[in-house]
PDB file of all heavy atoms in Angstrom:
ATOM      1  N   PHE A   1      61.118  68.374  52.299  1.00  0.00           N
ATOM      2  CA  PHE A   1      62.118  69.457  52.338  1.00  0.00           C
ATOM      3  C   PHE A   1      63.065  69.460  51.140  1.00  0.00           C
ATOM      4  O   PHE A   1      63.832  70.409  50.962  1.00  0.00           O
ATOM      5  CB  PHE A   1      62.949  69.365  53.623  1.00  0.00           C
ATOM      6  CG  PHE A   1      62.145  69.461  54.883  1.00  0.00           C
ATOM      7  CD1 PHE A   1      61.783  68.319  55.574  1.00  0.00           C
ATOM      8  CD2 PHE A   1      61.737  70.689  55.373  1.00  0.00           C
ATOM      9  CE1 PHE A   1      61.036  68.405  56.747  1.00  0.00           C
ATOM     10  CE2 PHE A   1      60.989  70.791  56.542  1.00  0.00           C
ATOM     11  CZ  PHE A   1      60.631  69.636  57.228  1.00  0.00           C
ATOM     12  N   GLY A   2      63.038  68.382  50.348  1.00  0.00           N
ATOM     13  CA  GLY A   2      63.931  68.280  49.204  1.00  0.00           C
ATOM     14  C   GLY A   2      65.163  67.438  49.514  1.00  0.00           C
ATOM     15  O   GLY A   2      65.542  67.263  50.675  1.00  0.00           O
ATOM     16  N   ASN A   3      65.777  66.912  48.456  1.00  0.00           N
ATOM     17  CA  ASN A   3      66.946  66.044  48.620  1.00  0.00           C
ATOM     18  C   ASN A   3      68.151  66.736  49.256  1.00  0.00           C
ATOM     19  O   ASN A   3      68.790  66.162  50.143  1.00  0.00           O
ATOM     20  CB  ASN A   3      67.352  65.442  47.267  1.00  0.00           C
ATOM     21  CG  ASN A   3      66.391  64.372  46.805  1.00  0.00           C
ATOM     22  OD1 ASN A   3      65.613  63.836  47.589  1.00  0.00           O
ATOM     23  ND2 ASN A   3      66.438  64.049  45.521  1.00  0.00           N
ATOM     24  N   PRO A   4      68.512  67.944  48.820  1.00  0.00           N
ATOM     25  CA  PRO A   4      69.703  68.570  49.414  1.00  0.00           C
ATOM     26  C   PRO A   4      69.605  68.728  50.931  1.00  0.00           C
ATOM     27  O   PRO A   4      70.555  68.414  51.663  1.00  0.00           O
ATOM     28  CB  PRO A   4      69.772  69.931  48.708  1.00  0.00           C
ATOM     29  CG  PRO A   4      69.085  69.706  47.400  1.00  0.00           C
ATOM     30  CD  PRO A   4      67.968  68.767  47.714  1.00  0.00           C
ATOM     31  N   ALA A   5      68.449  69.181  51.422  1.00  0.00           N
ATOM     32  CA  ALA A   5      68.275  69.358  52.869  1.00  0.00           C
ATOM     33  C   ALA A   5      68.367  68.028  53.597  1.00  0.00           C
ATOM     34  O   ALA A   5      68.984  67.930  54.664  1.00  0.00           O
ATOM     35  CB  ALA A   5      66.928  70.028  53.158  1.00  0.00           C
ATOM     36  N   SER A   6      67.786  66.973  53.022  1.00  0.00           N
ATOM     37  CA  SER A   6      67.812  65.664  53.667  1.00  0.00           C
ATOM     38  C   SER A   6      69.227  65.110  53.778  1.00  0.00           C
ATOM     39  O   SER A   6      69.622  64.576  54.814  1.00  0.00           O
ATOM     40  CB  SER A   6      66.935  64.664  52.894  1.00  0.00           C
ATOM     41  OG  SER A   6      65.572  64.999  53.018  1.00  0.00           O
ATOM     42  N   VAL A   7      69.991  65.231  52.706  1.00  0.00           N
ATOM     43  CA  VAL A   7      71.379  64.735  52.719  1.00  0.00           C
ATOM     44  C   VAL A   7      72.210  65.508  53.738  1.00  0.00           C
ATOM     45  O   VAL A   7      72.941  64.918  54.555  1.00  0.00           O
ATOM     46  CB  VAL A   7      72.011  64.841  51.313  1.00  0.00           C
ATOM     47  CG1 VAL A   7      73.506  64.550  51.386  1.00  0.00           C
ATOM     48  CG2 VAL A   7      71.336  63.868  50.350  1.00  0.00           C
ATOM     49  N   LEU A   8      72.095  66.823  53.727  1.00  0.00           N
ATOM     50  CA  LEU A   8      72.934  67.647  54.594  1.00  0.00           C
ATOM     51  C   LEU A   8      72.548  67.502  56.063  1.00  0.00           C
ATOM     52  O   LEU A   8      73.413  67.478  56.951  1.00  0.00           O
ATOM     53  CB  LEU A   8      72.869  69.111  54.155  1.00  0.00           C
ATOM     54  CG  LEU A   8      73.466  69.367  52.762  1.00  0.00           C
ATOM     55  CD1 LEU A   8      73.209  70.796  52.317  1.00  0.00           C
ATOM     56  CD2 LEU A   8      74.962  69.068  52.752  1.00  0.00           C
ATOM     57  N   VAL A   9      71.254  67.374  56.350  1.00  0.00           N
ATOM     58  CA  VAL A   9      70.839  67.169  57.738  1.00  0.00           C
ATOM     59  C   VAL A   9      71.232  65.755  58.206  1.00  0.00           C
ATOM     60  O   VAL A   9      71.584  65.558  59.376  1.00  0.00           O
ATOM     61  CB  VAL A   9      69.329  67.434  57.916  1.00  0.00           C
ATOM     62  CG1 VAL A   9      68.859  67.042  59.317  1.00  0.00           C
ATOM     63  CG2 VAL A   9      69.029  68.912  57.668  1.00  0.00           C
ATOM     64  N   GLY A  10      71.221  64.804  57.291  1.00  0.00           N
ATOM     65  CA  GLY A  10      71.752  63.482  57.625  1.00  0.00           C
ATOM     66  C   GLY A  10      73.213  63.574  58.040  1.00  0.00           C
ATOM     67  O   GLY A  10      73.644  62.953  59.018  1.00  0.00           O
ATOM     68  N   ASP A  11      73.980  64.392  57.315  1.00  0.00           N
ATOM     69  CA  ASP A  11      75.386  64.621  57.675  1.00  0.00           C
ATOM     70  C   ASP A  11      75.494  65.254  59.061  1.00  0.00           C
ATOM     71  O   ASP A  11      76.377  64.902  59.857  1.00  0.00           O
ATOM     72  CB  ASP A  11      76.065  65.527  56.640  1.00  0.00           C
ATOM     73  CG  ASP A  11      76.217  64.859  55.278  1.00  0.00           C
ATOM     74  OD1 ASP A  11      76.091  63.618  55.207  1.00  0.00           O
ATOM     75  OD2 ASP A  11      76.461  65.577  54.292  1.00  0.00           O
ATOM     76  N   PHE A  12      74.602  66.199  59.349  1.00  0.00           N
ATOM     77  CA  PHE A  12      74.594  66.844  60.673  1.00  0.00           C
ATOM     78  C   PHE A  12      74.360  65.804  61.767  1.00  0.00           C
ATOM     79  O   PHE A  12      75.040  65.818  62.815  1.00  0.00           O
ATOM     80  CB  PHE A  12      73.505  67.916  60.732  1.00  0.00           C
ATOM     81  CG  PHE A  12      73.194  68.395  62.131  1.00  0.00           C
ATOM     82  CD1 PHE A  12      73.978  69.360  62.740  1.00  0.00           C
ATOM     83  CD2 PHE A  12      72.132  67.865  62.832  1.00  0.00           C
ATOM     84  CE1 PHE A  12      73.703  69.789  64.036  1.00  0.00           C
ATOM     85  CE2 PHE A  12      71.845  68.277  64.125  1.00  0.00           C
ATOM     86  CZ  PHE A  12      72.630  69.242  64.728  1.00  0.00           C
ATOM     87  N   LEU A  13      73.406  64.900  61.547  1.00  0.00           N
ATOM     88  CA  LEU A  13      73.100  63.899  62.570  1.00  0.00           C
ATOM     89  C   LEU A  13      74.274  62.940  62.792  1.00  0.00           C
ATOM     90  O   LEU A  13      74.568  62.551  63.922  1.00  0.00           O
ATOM     91  CB  LEU A  13      71.836  63.119  62.195  1.00  0.00           C
ATOM     92  CG  LEU A  13      70.530  63.910  62.322  1.00  0.00           C
ATOM     93  CD1 LEU A  13      69.361  63.111  61.756  1.00  0.00           C
ATOM     94  CD2 LEU A  13      70.250  64.274  63.779  1.00  0.00           C
ATOM     95  N   TYR A  14      74.945  62.545  61.704  1.00  0.00           N
ATOM     96  CA  TYR A  14      76.145  61.720  61.851  1.00  0.00           C
ATOM     97  C   TYR A  14      77.192  62.444  62.700  1.00  0.00           C
ATOM     98  O   TYR A  14      77.756  61.882  63.645  1.00  0.00           O
ATOM     99  CB  TYR A  14      76.758  61.407  60.481  1.00  0.00           C
ATOM    100  CG  TYR A  14      76.216  60.185  59.792  1.00  0.00           C
ATOM    101  CD1 TYR A  14      75.801  60.233  58.458  1.00  0.00           C
ATOM    102  CD2 TYR A  14      76.153  58.960  60.445  1.00  0.00           C
ATOM    103  CE1 TYR A  14      75.322  59.116  57.813  1.00  0.00           C
ATOM    104  CE2 TYR A  14      75.664  57.830  59.802  1.00  0.00           C
ATOM    105  CZ  TYR A  14      75.259  57.909  58.485  1.00  0.00           C
ATOM    106  OH  TYR A  14      74.782  56.789  57.841  1.00  0.00           O
ATOM    107  N   SER A  15      77.475  63.698  62.354  1.00  0.00           N
ATOM    108  CA  SER A  15      78.531  64.427  63.054  1.00  0.00           C
ATOM    109  C   SER A  15      78.134  64.727  64.500  1.00  0.00           C
ATOM    110  O   SER A  15      78.973  64.687  65.405  1.00  0.00           O
ATOM    111  CB  SER A  15      78.890  65.717  62.307  1.00  0.00           C
ATOM    112  OG  SER A  15      77.753  66.512  62.086  1.00  0.00           O
ATOM    113  N   ARG A  16      76.848  65.002  64.749  1.00  0.00           N
ATOM    114  CA  ARG A  16      76.391  65.220  66.124  1.00  0.00           C
ATOM    115  C   ARG A  16      76.532  63.929  66.927  1.00  0.00           C
ATOM    116  O   ARG A  16      76.932  63.957  68.102  1.00  0.00           O
ATOM    117  CB  ARG A  16      74.944  65.719  66.112  1.00  0.00           C
ATOM    118  CG  ARG A  16      74.287  65.958  67.477  1.00  0.00           C
ATOM    119  CD  ARG A  16      75.092  66.855  68.408  1.00  0.00           C
ATOM    120  NE  ARG A  16      75.509  68.126  67.849  1.00  0.00           N
ATOM    121  CZ  ARG A  16      74.792  69.245  67.906  1.00  0.00           C
ATOM    122  NH1 ARG A  16      73.603  69.252  68.480  1.00  0.00           N
ATOM    123  NH2 ARG A  16      75.284  70.372  67.403  1.00  0.00           N
ATOM    124  N   ALA A  17      76.241  62.801  66.305  1.00  0.00           N
ATOM    125  CA  ALA A  17      76.407  61.513  66.991  1.00  0.00           C
ATOM    126  C   ALA A  17      77.860  61.310  67.414  1.00  0.00           C
ATOM    127  O   ALA A  17      78.144  60.853  68.525  1.00  0.00           O
ATOM    128  CB  ALA A  17      75.945  60.364  66.090  1.00  0.00           C
ATOM    129  N   PHE A  18      78.788  61.681  66.546  1.00  0.00           N
ATOM    130  CA  PHE A  18      80.203  61.510  66.884  1.00  0.00           C
ATOM    131  C   PHE A  18      80.638  62.483  67.983  1.00  0.00           C
ATOM    132  O   PHE A  18      81.463  62.140  68.839  1.00  0.00           O
ATOM    133  CB  PHE A  18      81.081  61.626  65.636  1.00  0.00           C
ATOM    134  CG  PHE A  18      81.170  60.328  64.886  1.00  0.00           C
ATOM    135  CD1 PHE A  18      80.176  59.948  64.000  1.00  0.00           C
ATOM    136  CD2 PHE A  18      82.235  59.466  65.107  1.00  0.00           C
ATOM    137  CE1 PHE A  18      80.237  58.732  63.337  1.00  0.00           C
ATOM    138  CE2 PHE A  18      82.306  58.243  64.444  1.00  0.00           C
ATOM    139  CZ  PHE A  18      81.313  57.870  63.557  1.00  0.00           C
ATOM    140  N   GLN A  19      80.068  63.680  67.994  1.00  0.00           N
ATOM    141  CA  GLN A  19      80.334  64.600  69.113  1.00  0.00           C
ATOM    142  C   GLN A  19      79.885  63.977  70.435  1.00  0.00           C
ATOM    143  O   GLN A  19      80.592  64.054  71.449  1.00  0.00           O
ATOM    144  CB  GLN A  19      79.577  65.918  68.916  1.00  0.00           C
ATOM    145  CG  GLN A  19      80.159  66.845  67.863  1.00  0.00           C
ATOM    146  CD  GLN A  19      79.322  68.118  67.743  1.00  0.00           C
ATOM    147  OE1 GLN A  19      78.096  68.092  67.876  1.00  0.00           O
ATOM    148  NE2 GLN A  19      79.977  69.236  67.483  1.00  0.00           N
ATOM    149  N   MET A  20      78.714  63.362  70.415  1.00  0.00           N
ATOM    150  CA  MET A  20      78.145  62.777  71.631  1.00  0.00           C
ATOM    151  C   MET A  20      78.908  61.534  72.081  1.00  0.00           C
ATOM    152  O   MET A  20      78.991  61.240  73.273  1.00  0.00           O
ATOM    153  CB  MET A  20      76.665  62.450  71.390  1.00  0.00           C
ATOM    154  CG  MET A  20      75.801  63.685  71.195  1.00  0.00           C
ATOM    155  SD  MET A  20      74.179  63.326  70.484  1.00  0.00           S
ATOM    156  CE  MET A  20      73.421  62.380  71.811  1.00  0.00           C
ATOM    157  N   MET A  21      79.463  60.781  71.136  1.00  0.00           N
ATOM    158  CA  MET A  21      80.275  59.609  71.490  1.00  0.00           C
ATOM    159  C   MET A  21      81.442  59.996  72.378  1.00  0.00           C
ATOM    160  O   MET A  21      81.827  59.257  73.284  1.00  0.00           O
ATOM    161  CB  MET A  21      80.854  58.964  70.229  1.00  0.00           C
ATOM    162  CG  MET A  21      79.941  58.036  69.489  1.00  0.00           C
ATOM    163  SD  MET A  21      80.858  57.419  68.047  1.00  0.00           S
ATOM    164  CE  MET A  21      79.568  57.431  66.823  1.00  0.00           C
ATOM    165  N   VAL A  22      82.017  61.160  72.097  1.00  0.00           N
ATOM    166  CA  VAL A  22      83.189  61.619  72.851  1.00  0.00           C
ATOM    167  C   VAL A  22      82.843  61.772  74.336  1.00  0.00           C
ATOM    168  O   VAL A  22      83.681  61.554  75.215  1.00  0.00           O
ATOM    169  CB  VAL A  22      83.722  62.945  72.269  1.00  0.00           C
ATOM    170  CG1 VAL A  22      84.901  63.475  73.087  1.00  0.00           C
ATOM    171  CG2 VAL A  22      84.132  62.758  70.812  1.00  0.00           C
ATOM    172  N   ASP A  23      81.568  62.113  74.614  1.00  0.00           N
ATOM    173  CA  ASP A  23      81.141  62.309  76.007  1.00  0.00           C
ATOM    174  C   ASP A  23      81.348  61.056  76.851  1.00  0.00           C
ATOM    175  O   ASP A  23      81.528  61.150  78.068  1.00  0.00           O
ATOM    176  CB  ASP A  23      79.648  62.698  76.069  1.00  0.00           C
ATOM    177  CG  ASP A  23      79.382  64.069  75.462  1.00  0.00           C
ATOM    178  OD1 ASP A  23      80.352  64.815  75.257  1.00  0.00           O
ATOM    179  OD2 ASP A  23      78.203  64.373  75.197  1.00  0.00           O
ATOM    180  N   ALA A  24      81.300  59.904  76.218  1.00  0.00           N
ATOM    181  CA  ALA A  24      81.451  58.651  76.971  1.00  0.00           C
ATOM    182  C   ALA A  24      82.876  58.436  77.455  1.00  0.00           C
ATOM    183  O   ALA A  24      83.101  57.646  78.383  1.00  0.00           O
ATOM    184  CB  ALA A  24      81.004  57.466  76.112  1.00  0.00           C
ATOM    185  N   GLN A  25      83.843  59.129  76.826  1.00  0.00           N
ATOM    186  CA  GLN A  25      85.253  58.999  77.209  1.00  0.00           C
ATOM    187  C   GLN A  25      85.676  57.531  77.246  1.00  0.00           C
ATOM    188  O   GLN A  25      86.343  57.083  78.189  1.00  0.00           O
ATOM    189  CB  GLN A  25      85.491  59.659  78.575  1.00  0.00           C
ATOM    190  CG  GLN A  25      85.307  61.170  78.579  1.00  0.00           C
ATOM    191  CD  GLN A  25      86.375  61.892  77.756  1.00  0.00           C
ATOM    192  OE1 GLN A  25      87.560  61.794  78.050  1.00  0.00           O
ATOM    193  NE2 GLN A  25      85.953  62.598  76.723  1.00  0.00           N
ATOM    194  N   ASN A  26      85.279  56.789  76.238  1.00  0.00           N
ATOM    195  CA  ASN A  26      85.584  55.359  76.181  1.00  0.00           C
ATOM    196  C   ASN A  26      85.978  55.012  74.749  1.00  0.00           C
ATOM    197  O   ASN A  26      85.130  54.986  73.851  1.00  0.00           O
ATOM    198  CB  ASN A  26      84.355  54.550  76.622  1.00  0.00           C
ATOM    199  CG  ASN A  26      84.627  53.056  76.719  1.00  0.00           C
ATOM    200  OD1 ASN A  26      85.210  52.454  75.821  1.00  0.00           O
ATOM    201  ND2 ASN A  26      84.180  52.447  77.810  1.00  0.00           N
ATOM    202  N   MET A  27      87.273  54.759  74.550  1.00  0.00           N
ATOM    203  CA  MET A  27      87.767  54.504  73.198  1.00  0.00           C
ATOM    204  C   MET A  27      87.165  53.244  72.593  1.00  0.00           C
ATOM    205  O   MET A  27      86.962  53.170  71.382  1.00  0.00           O
ATOM    206  CB  MET A  27      89.294  54.400  73.207  1.00  0.00           C
ATOM    207  CG  MET A  27      90.001  55.745  73.290  1.00  0.00           C
ATOM    208  SD  MET A  27      89.614  56.830  71.891  1.00  0.00           S
ATOM    209  CE  MET A  27      90.345  55.915  70.536  1.00  0.00           C
ATOM    210  N   ARG A  28      86.888  52.238  73.415  1.00  0.00           N
ATOM    211  CA  ARG A  28      86.305  50.989  72.900  1.00  0.00           C
ATOM    212  C   ARG A  28      84.918  51.253  72.312  1.00  0.00           C
ATOM    213  O   ARG A  28      84.573  50.750  71.242  1.00  0.00           O
ATOM    214  CB  ARG A  28      86.222  49.964  74.041  1.00  0.00           C
ATOM    215  CG  ARG A  28      85.543  48.662  73.663  1.00  0.00           C
ATOM    216  CD  ARG A  28      86.476  47.723  72.927  1.00  0.00           C
ATOM    217  NE  ARG A  28      85.790  46.475  72.648  1.00  0.00           N
ATOM    218  CZ  ARG A  28      85.539  46.012  71.430  1.00  0.00           C
ATOM    219  NH1 ARG A  28      85.922  46.672  70.358  1.00  0.00           N
ATOM    220  NH2 ARG A  28      84.911  44.867  71.267  1.00  0.00           N
ATOM    221  N   ILE A  29      84.128  52.067  72.991  1.00  0.00           N
ATOM    222  CA  ILE A  29      82.790  52.405  72.491  1.00  0.00           C
ATOM    223  C   ILE A  29      82.900  53.202  71.198  1.00  0.00           C
ATOM    224  O   ILE A  29      82.173  52.940  70.223  1.00  0.00           O
ATOM    225  CB  ILE A  29      81.988  53.174  73.562  1.00  0.00           C
ATOM    226  CG1 ILE A  29      81.552  52.208  74.661  1.00  0.00           C
ATOM    227  CG2 ILE A  29      80.775  53.875  72.945  1.00  0.00           C
ATOM    228  CD1 ILE A  29      80.881  52.870  75.844  1.00  0.00           C
ATOM    229  N   MET A  30      83.819  54.148  71.170  1.00  0.00           N
ATOM    230  CA  MET A  30      84.009  54.932  69.939  1.00  0.00           C
ATOM    231  C   MET A  30      84.438  54.035  68.786  1.00  0.00           C
ATOM    232  O   MET A  30      83.973  54.205  67.650  1.00  0.00           O
ATOM    233  CB  MET A  30      85.044  56.028  70.175  1.00  0.00           C
ATOM    234  CG  MET A  30      84.542  57.153  71.062  1.00  0.00           C
ATOM    235  SD  MET A  30      85.701  58.530  71.146  1.00  0.00           S
ATOM    236  CE  MET A  30      85.599  59.165  69.485  1.00  0.00           C
ATOM    237  N   GLU A  31      85.300  53.075  69.073  1.00  0.00           N
ATOM    238  CA  GLU A  31      85.750  52.146  68.036  1.00  0.00           C
ATOM    239  C   GLU A  31      84.584  51.330  67.477  1.00  0.00           C
ATOM    240  O   GLU A  31      84.435  51.202  66.255  1.00  0.00           O
ATOM    241  CB  GLU A  31      86.810  51.199  68.626  1.00  0.00           C
ATOM    242  CG  GLU A  31      87.331  50.157  67.640  1.00  0.00           C
ATOM    243  CD  GLU A  31      88.222  49.120  68.300  1.00  0.00           C
ATOM    244  OE1 GLU A  31      88.285  49.063  69.543  1.00  0.00           O
ATOM    245  OE2 GLU A  31      88.849  48.337  67.566  1.00  0.00           O
ATOM    246  N   VAL A  32      83.747  50.799  68.367  1.00  0.00           N
ATOM    247  CA  VAL A  32      82.615  49.966  67.945  1.00  0.00           C
ATOM    248  C   VAL A  32      81.641  50.773  67.086  1.00  0.00           C
ATOM    249  O   VAL A  32      81.198  50.322  66.022  1.00  0.00           O
ATOM    250  CB  VAL A  32      81.889  49.369  69.177  1.00  0.00           C
ATOM    251  CG1 VAL A  32      80.541  48.764  68.781  1.00  0.00           C
ATOM    252  CG2 VAL A  32      82.768  48.312  69.846  1.00  0.00           C
ATOM    253  N   LEU A  33      81.295  51.984  67.539  1.00  0.00           N
ATOM    254  CA  LEU A  33      80.314  52.790  66.806  1.00  0.00           C
ATOM    255  C   LEU A  33      80.883  53.349  65.506  1.00  0.00           C
ATOM    256  O   LEU A  33      80.177  53.438  64.494  1.00  0.00           O
ATOM    257  CB  LEU A  33      79.786  53.908  67.701  1.00  0.00           C
ATOM    258  CG  LEU A  33      78.888  53.445  68.853  1.00  0.00           C
ATOM    259  CD1 LEU A  33      78.562  54.596  69.794  1.00  0.00           C
ATOM    260  CD2 LEU A  33      77.599  52.809  68.330  1.00  0.00           C
ATOM    261  N   ALA A  34      82.168  53.718  65.519  1.00  0.00           N
ATOM    262  CA  ALA A  34      82.797  54.208  64.286  1.00  0.00           C
ATOM    263  C   ALA A  34      82.881  53.090  63.249  1.00  0.00           C
ATOM    264  O   ALA A  34      82.577  53.291  62.068  1.00  0.00           O
ATOM    265  CB  ALA A  34      84.189  54.758  64.587  1.00  0.00           C
ATOM    266  N   ASP A  35      83.283  51.893  63.691  1.00  0.00           N
ATOM    267  CA  ASP A  35      83.348  50.746  62.779  1.00  0.00           C
ATOM    268  C   ASP A  35      81.967  50.408  62.224  1.00  0.00           C
ATOM    269  O   ASP A  35      81.815  50.126  61.027  1.00  0.00           O
ATOM    270  CB  ASP A  35      83.935  49.514  63.495  1.00  0.00           C
ATOM    271  CG  ASP A  35      85.438  49.635  63.725  1.00  0.00           C
ATOM    272  OD1 ASP A  35      86.053  50.567  63.168  1.00  0.00           O
ATOM    273  OD2 ASP A  35      85.991  48.794  64.464  1.00  0.00           O
ATOM    274  N   ALA A  36      80.969  50.433  63.104  1.00  0.00           N
ATOM    275  CA  ALA A  36      79.603  50.110  62.670  1.00  0.00           C
ATOM    276  C   ALA A  36      79.116  51.103  61.619  1.00  0.00           C
ATOM    277  O   ALA A  36      78.534  50.709  60.600  1.00  0.00           O
ATOM    278  CB  ALA A  36      78.652  50.109  63.866  1.00  0.00           C
ATOM    279  N   THR A  37      79.372  52.388  61.851  1.00  0.00           N
ATOM    280  CA  THR A  37      78.951  53.427  60.902  1.00  0.00           C
ATOM    281  C   THR A  37      79.613  53.216  59.545  1.00  0.00           C
ATOM    282  O   THR A  37      78.981  53.376  58.492  1.00  0.00           O
ATOM    283  CB  THR A  37      79.278  54.825  61.460  1.00  0.00           C
ATOM    284  OG1 THR A  37      78.694  54.960  62.758  1.00  0.00           O
ATOM    285  CG2 THR A  37      78.728  55.916  60.565  1.00  0.00           C
ATOM    286  N   ASN A  38      80.871  52.812  59.564  1.00  0.00           N
ATOM    287  CA  ASN A  38      81.595  52.562  58.319  1.00  0.00           C
ATOM    288  C   ASN A  38      81.035  51.345  57.588  1.00  0.00           C
ATOM    289  O   ASN A  38      80.848  51.370  56.363  1.00  0.00           O
ATOM    290  CB  ASN A  38      83.078  52.369  58.620  1.00  0.00           C
ATOM    291  CG  ASN A  38      83.936  52.397  57.381  1.00  0.00           C
ATOM    292  OD1 ASN A  38      84.491  51.392  56.966  1.00  0.00           O
ATOM    293  ND2 ASN A  38      84.056  53.565  56.765  1.00  0.00           N
ATOM    294  N   VAL A  39      80.733  50.285  58.339  1.00  0.00           N
ATOM    295  CA  VAL A  39      80.176  49.066  57.731  1.00  0.00           C
ATOM    296  C   VAL A  39      78.795  49.354  57.136  1.00  0.00           C
ATOM    297  O   VAL A  39      78.454  48.858  56.051  1.00  0.00           O
ATOM    298  CB  VAL A  39      80.094  47.921  58.771  1.00  0.00           C
ATOM    299  CG1 VAL A  39      79.263  46.750  58.240  1.00  0.00           C
ATOM    300  CG2 VAL A  39      81.497  47.443  59.137  1.00  0.00           C
ATOM    301  N   ILE A  40      78.004  50.162  57.825  1.00  0.00           N
ATOM    302  CA  ILE A  40      76.675  50.526  57.306  1.00  0.00           C
ATOM    303  C   ILE A  40      76.815  51.252  55.969  1.00  0.00           C
ATOM    304  O   ILE A  40      76.076  50.970  55.013  1.00  0.00           O
ATOM    305  CB  ILE A  40      75.919  51.407  58.328  1.00  0.00           C
ATOM    306  CG1 ILE A  40      75.560  50.597  59.573  1.00  0.00           C
ATOM    307  CG2 ILE A  40      74.647  51.993  57.694  1.00  0.00           C
ATOM    308  CD1 ILE A  40      75.151  51.453  60.762  1.00  0.00           C
ATOM    309  N   ALA A  41      77.771  52.176  55.902  1.00  0.00           N
ATOM    310  CA  ALA A  41      78.000  52.906  54.645  1.00  0.00           C
ATOM    311  C   ALA A  41      78.424  51.940  53.536  1.00  0.00           C
ATOM    312  O   ALA A  41      77.958  52.051  52.392  1.00  0.00           O
ATOM    313  CB  ALA A  41      79.066  53.982  54.852  1.00  0.00           C
ATOM    314  N   GLU A  42      79.300  50.984  53.867  1.00  0.00           N
ATOM    315  CA  GLU A  42      79.691  49.975  52.883  1.00  0.00           C
ATOM    316  C   GLU A  42      78.485  49.155  52.430  1.00  0.00           C
ATOM    317  O   GLU A  42      78.342  48.839  51.238  1.00  0.00           O
ATOM    318  CB  GLU A  42      80.749  49.043  53.471  1.00  0.00           C
ATOM    319  CG  GLU A  42      82.117  49.675  53.635  1.00  0.00           C
ATOM    320  CD  GLU A  42      83.141  48.713  54.215  1.00  0.00           C
ATOM    321  OE1 GLU A  42      82.742  47.785  54.951  1.00  0.00           O
ATOM    322  OE2 GLU A  42      84.335  48.896  53.948  1.00  0.00           O
ATOM    323  N   GLY A  43      77.612  48.823  53.390  1.00  0.00           N
ATOM    324  CA  GLY A  43      76.403  48.061  53.054  1.00  0.00           C
ATOM    325  C   GLY A  43      75.489  48.814  52.115  1.00  0.00           C
ATOM    326  O   GLY A  43      74.887  48.234  51.201  1.00  0.00           O
ATOM    327  N   GLU A  44      75.387  50.129  52.331  1.00  0.00           N
ATOM    328  CA  GLU A  44      74.574  50.967  51.440  1.00  0.00           C
ATOM    329  C   GLU A  44      75.131  50.939  50.018  1.00  0.00           C
ATOM    330  O   GLU A  44      74.383  50.842  49.041  1.00  0.00           O
ATOM    331  CB  GLU A  44      74.545  52.407  51.953  1.00  0.00           C
ATOM    332  CG  GLU A  44      73.858  52.599  53.299  1.00  0.00           C
ATOM    333  CD  GLU A  44      72.348  52.529  53.196  1.00  0.00           C
ATOM    334  OE1 GLU A  44      71.834  52.285  52.099  1.00  0.00           O
ATOM    335  OE2 GLU A  44      71.691  52.713  54.230  1.00  0.00           O
ATOM    336  N   VAL A  45      76.460  51.045  49.907  1.00  0.00           N
ATOM    337  CA  VAL A  45      77.089  51.028  48.583  1.00  0.00           C
ATOM    338  C   VAL A  45      76.923  49.653  47.936  1.00  0.00           C
ATOM    339  O   VAL A  45      76.636  49.538  46.735  1.00  0.00           O
ATOM    340  CB  VAL A  45      78.583  51.408  48.675  1.00  0.00           C
ATOM    341  CG1 VAL A  45      79.255  51.282  47.308  1.00  0.00           C
ATOM    342  CG2 VAL A  45      78.736  52.834  49.196  1.00  0.00           C
TER     343      VAL A  45
END
């Protein structure tokens, strides 16, 4: 599909994941997953 589509759809999946996290109504779970996502990004860099 090309690089632009892959990057932007990756962004969609990240943001959809965060929408779904809210459904759990659990701040501890949101904290763990948000921290993990940030650490993964740091690892990529």
